[in-house]
Protein backbone atom coordinates (compact mmCIF):
# COMPACT_ATOMS: atom_id res chain seq x y z
CA MET A 1 56.02 30.83 145.45
CA SER A 2 56.95 27.44 144.12
CA ALA A 3 54.30 24.79 143.65
CA PRO A 4 54.16 21.89 146.08
CA GLN A 5 56.36 18.94 145.12
CA GLY A 6 53.32 16.72 144.74
CA ASN A 7 52.09 18.79 141.79
CA ALA A 8 55.26 18.35 139.70
CA PRO A 9 54.13 15.25 137.78
CA ALA A 10 50.81 16.90 136.98
CA ARG A 11 52.53 20.04 135.69
CA ALA A 12 54.82 17.87 133.55
CA GLY A 13 51.76 16.13 132.13
CA TRP A 14 50.21 19.50 131.24
CA ALA A 15 53.39 20.50 129.47
CA GLU A 16 53.55 17.27 127.49
CA GLU A 17 49.91 17.62 126.50
CA ALA A 18 50.47 21.22 125.41
CA VAL A 19 53.48 20.21 123.29
CA ALA A 20 51.55 17.35 121.71
CA THR A 21 48.58 19.61 120.98
CA HIS A 22 50.85 22.21 119.42
CA ALA A 23 52.62 19.60 117.31
CA GLY A 24 49.29 18.18 116.16
CA ALA A 25 48.03 21.63 115.22
CA GLU A 26 51.23 22.35 113.30
CA HIS A 27 50.92 19.04 111.44
CA LEU A 28 47.29 19.82 110.59
CA ARG A 29 48.19 23.30 109.32
CA THR A 30 51.01 21.87 107.20
CA GLU A 31 48.72 19.23 105.73
CA GLU A 32 46.06 21.86 104.94
CA GLN A 33 48.66 24.05 103.24
CA VAL A 34 49.84 21.14 101.09
CA LEU A 35 46.27 20.32 100.05
CA GLU A 36 45.59 23.97 99.23
CA ARG A 37 48.69 24.18 97.04
CA VAL A 38 47.73 20.97 95.21
CA GLU A 39 44.20 22.26 94.65
CA ARG A 40 45.47 25.61 93.32
CA ALA A 41 47.76 23.80 90.89
CA ARG A 42 44.94 21.60 89.62
CA ARG A 43 42.67 24.60 88.98
CA ARG A 44 45.13 26.13 86.54
CA ARG A 45 44.35 25.81 82.83
CA PRO A 46 46.45 22.96 81.38
CA ARG A 47 49.41 24.21 79.34
CA VAL A 48 52.28 22.28 77.78
CA ARG A 49 55.43 24.05 78.95
CA GLU A 50 57.90 21.93 76.98
CA GLU A 51 58.75 22.93 73.42
CA ARG A 52 59.19 19.31 72.32
CA ILE A 53 57.51 16.02 73.18
CA THR A 54 59.29 13.89 75.77
CA LEU A 55 58.79 10.26 76.81
CA ALA A 56 57.00 11.53 79.91
CA HIS A 57 54.18 12.75 77.68
CA GLY A 58 53.34 9.12 76.92
CA ALA A 59 53.81 7.66 80.39
CA GLY A 60 50.20 8.07 81.54
CA GLY A 61 50.91 10.57 84.34
CA LYS A 62 50.64 14.33 84.74
CA ALA A 63 52.51 15.11 81.52
CA THR A 64 50.18 12.87 79.51
CA ARG A 65 47.09 14.39 81.09
CA THR A 66 48.33 17.91 80.41
CA LEU A 67 49.18 17.09 76.79
CA VAL A 68 45.77 15.55 76.14
CA GLU A 69 43.82 18.37 77.74
CA ALA A 70 45.94 21.29 76.50
CA VAL A 71 46.30 20.09 72.91
CA PHE A 72 43.67 17.56 71.89
CA VAL A 73 40.70 18.39 74.10
CA ASP A 74 41.29 22.08 73.45
CA ALA A 75 41.40 21.53 69.68
CA PHE A 76 38.56 19.00 69.34
CA ARG A 77 36.38 20.20 72.20
CA ASN A 78 32.93 18.56 72.43
CA PRO A 79 30.77 17.14 75.25
CA VAL A 80 31.65 13.49 74.56
CA LEU A 81 35.41 14.04 74.40
CA GLU A 82 35.44 16.24 77.51
CA GLN A 83 34.30 13.30 79.65
CA LEU A 84 37.75 11.71 79.08
CA GLU A 85 36.49 8.16 79.50
CA ASP A 86 38.08 5.00 78.04
CA GLY A 87 35.73 5.22 75.07
CA ALA A 88 32.94 7.34 73.66
CA ALA A 89 29.31 6.53 74.44
CA VAL A 90 27.32 7.66 71.40
CA SER A 91 23.86 7.12 69.90
CA VAL A 92 23.15 6.65 66.20
CA GLY A 93 19.59 6.29 64.94
CA GLY A 94 18.43 5.11 68.34
CA ALA A 95 21.25 2.58 68.70
CA ARG A 96 23.34 3.03 71.87
CA LEU A 97 26.96 2.44 70.85
CA ALA A 98 30.46 2.70 72.27
CA PHE A 99 33.52 3.57 70.21
CA THR A 100 37.20 3.53 71.14
CA THR A 101 40.70 3.57 69.67
CA ASP A 102 44.12 2.72 71.08
CA SER A 103 47.75 2.34 69.99
CA PHE A 104 50.25 -0.28 71.14
CA VAL A 105 54.02 0.20 71.15
CA VAL A 106 55.08 -2.36 73.75
CA SER A 107 58.71 -3.47 73.96
CA PRO A 108 59.48 -6.35 73.76
CA LEU A 109 56.80 -7.45 71.31
CA PHE A 110 56.60 -10.93 72.89
CA PHE A 111 56.55 -11.48 76.65
CA PRO A 112 55.43 -14.16 79.14
CA GLY A 113 51.66 -14.48 78.96
CA GLY A 114 51.13 -12.53 75.76
CA ASP A 115 52.38 -10.32 72.95
CA ILE A 116 51.54 -7.08 71.20
CA GLY A 117 48.84 -8.84 69.16
CA ASP A 118 46.57 -10.14 71.90
CA LEU A 119 47.39 -7.03 73.94
CA ALA A 120 45.91 -4.85 71.17
CA VAL A 121 42.74 -6.91 70.83
CA ASN A 122 42.16 -7.27 74.56
CA GLY A 123 42.93 -3.62 75.23
CA THR A 124 40.35 -2.44 72.73
CA VAL A 125 37.74 -4.96 73.88
CA ASN A 126 38.30 -3.82 77.46
CA ASP A 127 37.89 -0.13 76.64
CA LEU A 128 34.50 -0.93 75.14
CA ALA A 129 33.61 -3.08 78.16
CA MET A 130 34.41 -0.17 80.50
CA CYS A 131 31.72 1.80 78.63
CA GLY A 132 29.24 -0.95 79.51
CA ALA A 133 29.22 -2.21 75.92
CA ARG A 134 29.30 -5.62 74.27
CA PRO A 135 32.21 -5.48 71.80
CA LEU A 136 31.35 -6.26 68.17
CA HIS A 137 33.92 -5.24 65.57
CA LEU A 138 37.56 -4.10 65.53
CA SER A 139 39.91 -2.50 63.03
CA VAL A 140 43.71 -2.61 63.07
CA GLY A 141 46.37 -0.31 61.67
CA VAL A 142 49.86 -1.82 61.36
CA ILE A 143 53.07 0.21 61.09
CA LEU A 144 56.07 -1.94 60.20
CA GLU A 145 59.73 -1.10 60.09
CA GLU A 146 61.72 -2.09 57.03
CA GLY A 147 63.46 -5.38 57.79
CA PHE A 148 60.87 -6.66 60.26
CA PRO A 149 60.69 -10.50 60.12
CA VAL A 150 57.64 -11.80 58.26
CA ALA A 151 57.52 -14.77 60.65
CA ASP A 152 57.09 -12.41 63.59
CA LEU A 153 54.29 -10.57 61.77
CA GLN A 154 52.52 -13.85 61.11
CA ARG A 155 52.90 -14.78 64.76
CA ILE A 156 51.35 -11.46 65.81
CA ALA A 157 48.47 -11.82 63.34
CA ALA A 158 47.75 -15.36 64.58
CA SER A 159 47.75 -14.10 68.17
CA MET A 160 45.28 -11.34 67.26
CA ALA A 161 43.02 -13.88 65.53
CA ARG A 162 42.98 -16.13 68.60
CA ALA A 163 42.30 -13.21 70.94
CA ALA A 164 39.47 -11.93 68.73
CA ALA A 165 37.88 -15.39 68.59
CA ALA A 166 38.14 -15.74 72.37
CA ALA A 167 36.51 -12.33 72.85
CA GLY A 168 33.77 -13.01 70.31
CA VAL A 169 34.70 -10.09 68.05
CA GLU A 170 35.78 -9.79 64.42
CA ILE A 171 38.61 -7.73 62.93
CA VAL A 172 36.79 -6.37 59.91
CA THR A 173 39.09 -3.72 58.43
CA GLY A 174 42.59 -2.32 58.70
CA ASP A 175 45.58 -0.61 57.12
CA THR A 176 49.31 -1.32 56.72
CA LYS A 177 52.23 1.09 56.40
CA VAL A 178 55.98 0.40 56.17
CA VAL A 179 58.59 2.97 57.22
CA ARG A 180 62.34 3.04 56.60
CA ARG A 181 64.71 1.07 58.81
CA GLY A 182 65.36 2.96 62.04
CA GLN A 183 62.13 5.01 61.86
CA ALA A 184 60.09 2.66 64.06
CA ASP A 185 60.68 -0.07 66.62
CA GLY A 186 59.72 -3.15 64.62
CA CYS A 187 55.93 -3.10 64.78
CA PHE A 188 53.31 -0.68 66.10
CA LEU A 189 49.58 -1.47 66.18
CA THR A 190 46.58 0.85 66.35
CA THR A 191 43.18 -0.68 66.95
CA ALA A 192 39.67 0.75 67.05
CA GLY A 193 36.50 -0.93 68.18
CA ILE A 194 32.76 -0.53 68.24
CA GLY A 195 30.25 -2.15 70.58
CA VAL A 196 26.61 -1.93 71.57
CA ARG A 197 25.45 -0.68 74.99
CA GLU A 198 22.59 -3.01 75.84
CA ARG A 199 22.08 -1.99 79.48
CA ASP A 200 20.26 1.17 80.47
CA VAL A 201 23.03 2.39 82.75
CA THR A 202 25.02 5.61 82.68
CA LEU A 203 28.70 5.12 83.50
CA GLY A 204 31.19 7.90 84.04
CA ALA A 205 33.61 9.29 86.59
CA ALA A 206 31.41 12.35 87.07
CA THR A 207 28.63 10.15 88.55
CA VAL A 208 30.75 9.09 91.54
CA ARG A 209 29.59 10.37 94.93
CA PRO A 210 30.77 10.25 98.55
CA GLY A 211 30.06 6.95 100.27
CA ASP A 212 30.61 4.83 97.15
CA ALA A 213 32.85 1.76 97.35
CA VAL A 214 36.00 1.20 95.27
CA LEU A 215 36.67 -2.32 93.96
CA VAL A 216 39.51 -3.89 91.99
CA SER A 217 39.00 -7.16 90.13
CA GLY A 218 42.27 -8.86 91.10
CA PRO A 219 45.98 -8.59 91.86
CA ILE A 220 47.54 -5.52 90.30
CA GLY A 221 50.80 -4.88 88.46
CA ASP A 222 51.28 -8.29 86.79
CA HIS A 223 51.54 -6.98 83.24
CA GLY A 224 53.86 -4.06 83.89
CA VAL A 225 56.31 -6.08 85.94
CA THR A 226 56.26 -8.90 83.38
CA VAL A 227 57.15 -6.56 80.53
CA MET A 228 59.86 -4.78 82.53
CA LEU A 229 61.53 -8.08 83.38
CA ALA A 230 61.11 -9.43 79.84
CA ARG A 231 63.26 -6.61 78.49
CA GLY A 232 66.25 -8.48 79.93
CA GLU A 233 67.94 -5.34 81.24
CA LEU A 234 67.46 -6.27 84.90
CA ASP A 235 69.05 -9.20 86.70
CA ILE A 236 65.77 -10.09 88.42
CA GLU A 237 63.80 -13.30 88.11
CA ALA A 238 60.15 -13.59 89.09
CA ASP A 239 57.47 -16.17 88.35
CA VAL A 240 54.95 -13.70 86.94
CA VAL A 241 53.14 -13.44 83.59
CA SER A 242 51.01 -10.75 81.98
CA ASP A 243 47.36 -10.63 82.99
CA THR A 244 46.21 -9.60 79.48
CA ALA A 245 42.63 -10.80 78.98
CA PRO A 246 39.26 -9.64 77.57
CA MET A 247 37.10 -8.34 80.43
CA HIS A 248 33.71 -7.76 78.81
CA GLY A 249 32.26 -10.87 80.49
CA LEU A 250 33.62 -9.77 83.86
CA ALA A 251 32.26 -6.25 83.38
CA ALA A 252 28.86 -7.62 82.36
CA ALA A 253 28.68 -9.76 85.50
CA LEU A 254 29.46 -6.75 87.68
CA LEU A 255 26.91 -4.54 85.92
CA ASP A 256 24.20 -7.18 86.29
CA ALA A 257 24.91 -7.39 90.02
CA ALA A 258 25.29 -3.66 90.70
CA GLY A 259 22.49 -2.44 88.43
CA ASP A 260 22.01 1.31 88.59
CA GLY A 261 24.44 1.34 91.53
CA ALA A 262 27.37 1.06 89.11
CA ARG A 263 29.09 4.44 88.78
CA VAL A 264 32.21 3.93 86.67
CA LEU A 265 34.42 1.15 85.30
CA ARG A 266 38.04 1.63 84.21
CA ASP A 267 40.74 -0.81 83.12
CA ALA A 268 43.92 -0.02 85.01
CA THR A 269 46.38 0.07 82.11
CA ARG A 270 49.02 2.79 81.62
CA GLY A 271 49.60 4.53 84.95
CA GLY A 272 47.98 1.74 86.96
CA VAL A 273 45.32 1.91 89.66
CA ALA A 274 46.74 5.13 91.11
CA THR A 275 46.22 7.03 87.86
CA ILE A 276 42.69 5.70 87.43
CA LEU A 277 41.69 6.75 90.94
CA ASN A 278 43.18 10.22 90.46
CA GLU A 279 41.22 10.66 87.25
CA ILE A 280 38.01 9.62 89.00
CA ALA A 281 38.64 11.87 92.00
CA GLY A 282 39.38 14.85 89.75
CA ALA A 283 36.37 14.35 87.48
CA ALA A 284 33.92 13.87 90.35
CA GLY A 285 35.43 16.47 92.69
CA VAL A 286 35.64 13.95 95.51
CA GLY A 287 38.31 12.31 97.62
CA VAL A 288 39.22 8.65 97.29
CA VAL A 289 40.58 6.84 100.34
CA VAL A 290 42.41 3.54 99.75
CA ASP A 291 43.42 0.98 102.37
CA GLU A 292 46.92 -0.19 101.43
CA ALA A 293 46.47 -3.53 103.21
CA ALA A 294 43.36 -4.27 101.11
CA VAL A 295 45.03 -3.81 97.71
CA PRO A 296 45.78 -7.26 96.20
CA VAL A 297 49.36 -7.62 94.93
CA ARG A 298 51.15 -10.89 94.25
CA GLU A 299 54.27 -11.50 96.33
CA GLU A 300 56.34 -11.83 93.15
CA VAL A 301 55.11 -8.48 91.86
CA LEU A 302 55.60 -6.81 95.23
CA GLY A 303 59.13 -8.16 95.52
CA ALA A 304 60.11 -7.12 92.00
CA SER A 305 58.57 -3.68 92.53
CA GLU A 306 60.55 -3.16 95.71
CA LEU A 307 63.78 -4.10 93.93
CA LEU A 308 62.92 -1.74 91.07
CA GLY A 309 61.95 1.06 93.45
CA ILE A 310 58.42 1.45 92.07
CA ASP A 311 54.96 1.42 93.63
CA PRO A 312 52.65 -1.37 92.31
CA LEU A 313 49.78 1.13 92.40
CA TYR A 314 51.35 2.83 89.35
CA VAL A 315 52.17 -0.36 87.43
CA ALA A 316 49.98 -1.27 84.46
CA CYS A 317 47.51 -4.12 84.33
CA GLU A 318 45.90 -5.49 81.15
CA GLY A 319 43.24 -7.72 82.68
CA ARG A 320 42.12 -5.82 85.80
CA LEU A 321 39.33 -3.32 86.21
CA VAL A 322 38.62 -0.70 88.84
CA ALA A 323 34.95 -0.17 89.68
CA VAL A 324 33.18 2.39 91.80
CA VAL A 325 29.73 1.29 92.95
CA ASP A 326 27.08 2.38 95.41
CA ALA A 327 28.07 1.08 98.84
CA ALA A 328 24.69 -0.69 99.12
CA ARG A 329 25.57 -2.76 96.03
CA ALA A 330 29.23 -3.34 96.88
CA ALA A 331 28.80 -6.80 98.40
CA ALA A 332 26.78 -8.06 95.42
CA ALA A 333 29.24 -6.52 92.94
CA LEU A 334 32.23 -8.05 94.74
CA ALA A 335 30.57 -11.47 94.83
CA ALA A 336 29.86 -11.24 91.09
CA LEU A 337 33.50 -10.40 90.37
CA ARG A 338 34.78 -13.25 92.52
CA ALA A 339 32.43 -15.73 90.81
CA HIS A 340 34.05 -14.98 87.44
CA PRO A 341 37.36 -16.68 86.51
CA LEU A 342 39.04 -13.30 85.91
CA GLY A 343 37.83 -11.86 89.21
CA ALA A 344 38.71 -14.55 91.74
CA GLY A 345 41.11 -12.18 93.52
CA ALA A 346 38.75 -9.19 93.56
CA ALA A 347 38.80 -6.93 96.61
CA LEU A 348 37.15 -3.87 98.09
CA ILE A 349 40.08 -1.49 98.46
CA GLY A 350 38.59 1.82 99.57
CA HIS A 351 35.77 4.33 99.50
CA VAL A 352 34.83 7.74 98.18
CA ALA A 353 34.81 10.68 100.59
CA ASP A 354 33.82 14.34 100.55
CA ASP A 355 37.33 15.43 101.44
CA PRO A 356 39.87 16.20 100.11
CA PRO A 357 38.24 16.90 96.72
CA GLY A 358 40.25 15.75 93.72
CA LEU A 359 42.81 13.80 95.74
CA VAL A 360 43.58 10.15 96.48
CA LEU A 361 44.74 9.25 99.99
CA LEU A 362 46.38 5.97 100.98
CA ARG A 363 46.03 4.63 104.51
CA THR A 364 49.36 2.90 104.90
CA ALA A 365 50.15 -0.33 106.69
CA PHE A 366 51.99 1.75 109.30
CA GLY A 367 48.84 3.65 110.28
CA GLY A 368 49.68 6.87 108.46
CA THR A 369 48.13 8.58 105.45
CA ARG A 370 49.80 9.88 102.30
CA ILE A 371 48.70 11.46 99.05
CA VAL A 372 48.83 9.22 95.98
CA ASP A 373 49.31 11.71 93.18
CA LEU A 374 49.71 11.34 89.43
CA LEU A 375 53.15 10.37 88.18
CA VAL A 376 55.27 13.30 87.08
CA GLY A 377 58.12 11.68 85.14
CA ASP A 378 58.63 8.59 83.02
CA PRO A 379 59.81 5.84 85.42
CA LEU A 380 58.59 2.87 83.37
CA PRO A 381 59.44 1.46 79.92
CA ARG A 382 56.81 1.10 77.22
CA ILE A 383 54.38 -1.48 78.54
CA CYS A 384 51.37 -1.17 76.24
């Protein structure tokens, strides 16, 4: 017996609801399967599959992480190194110190807003600041290629001196090597730094917990886009300069405001904000949820990134920090950042969640959600 005509719309509604429910269930199952596969992959012991080093191993993404963990952490294994922070928090004779080292191979050596010299000083100062330390002393190792102009070397040294004076640190020791023509790219710098941790606060990605707030100290991607455009290989013009700057004063202001609610500080250099958040999520075993609309990006950087086909979340900064703080201290921490000249564009961009552990999710401007994973290849030129 056929149903009365008056019931037809209702039956159609049931059918549509059933189809929608089925589609939603299928989407949920697919999403769960993807997350399970990602989690299985991340649980595997890191192993370098390539027989030779590639540029991807220095790009700051998955290949870099695998290389560091499979080769260096495995060889030098100790509790301090295994934390994989920007620097090492150590104690010597009761003194609470921070120690870090970094190498700089940026091309070109000089770019709008900075050069390899101030980049090296600021980068090392910032790594110490992310440990909650007041930077004190730096060293520098210089590798020069035969034929490098002495005038350029003097320019770099003067830039380092100015940056050190501005940061209140001294370059107290160093080393110089010269290699044959063609065996380097002009000038490489390696810096190390030591600082004192004056605040009784423990910082580290492993301290992050669900409910915490995620902050960024200003517009992202300025440095990476500046360097890419300065190479002169792209017919793109943009009014943007590097954000290279010493952030120890900014970090100190945040720590004073957040107190023991500060969980972790990271400077978003190679690999950008996306890489930093993935490292935090993985170390803490939590999920990080980011609101795309809340992430500050200059229009010039956004436009250049779209033309280049890259995501600003992966583009390096040299004067921006990412902070995770207790949600109860987030407002005070954000206000402290915005009160500092380097943090005027600070924003709360997301929060820490229980699920999915080890992953970063982006709530897009279109209302959807996507995984923000570590970079796999080497899409960017040398930027630091």
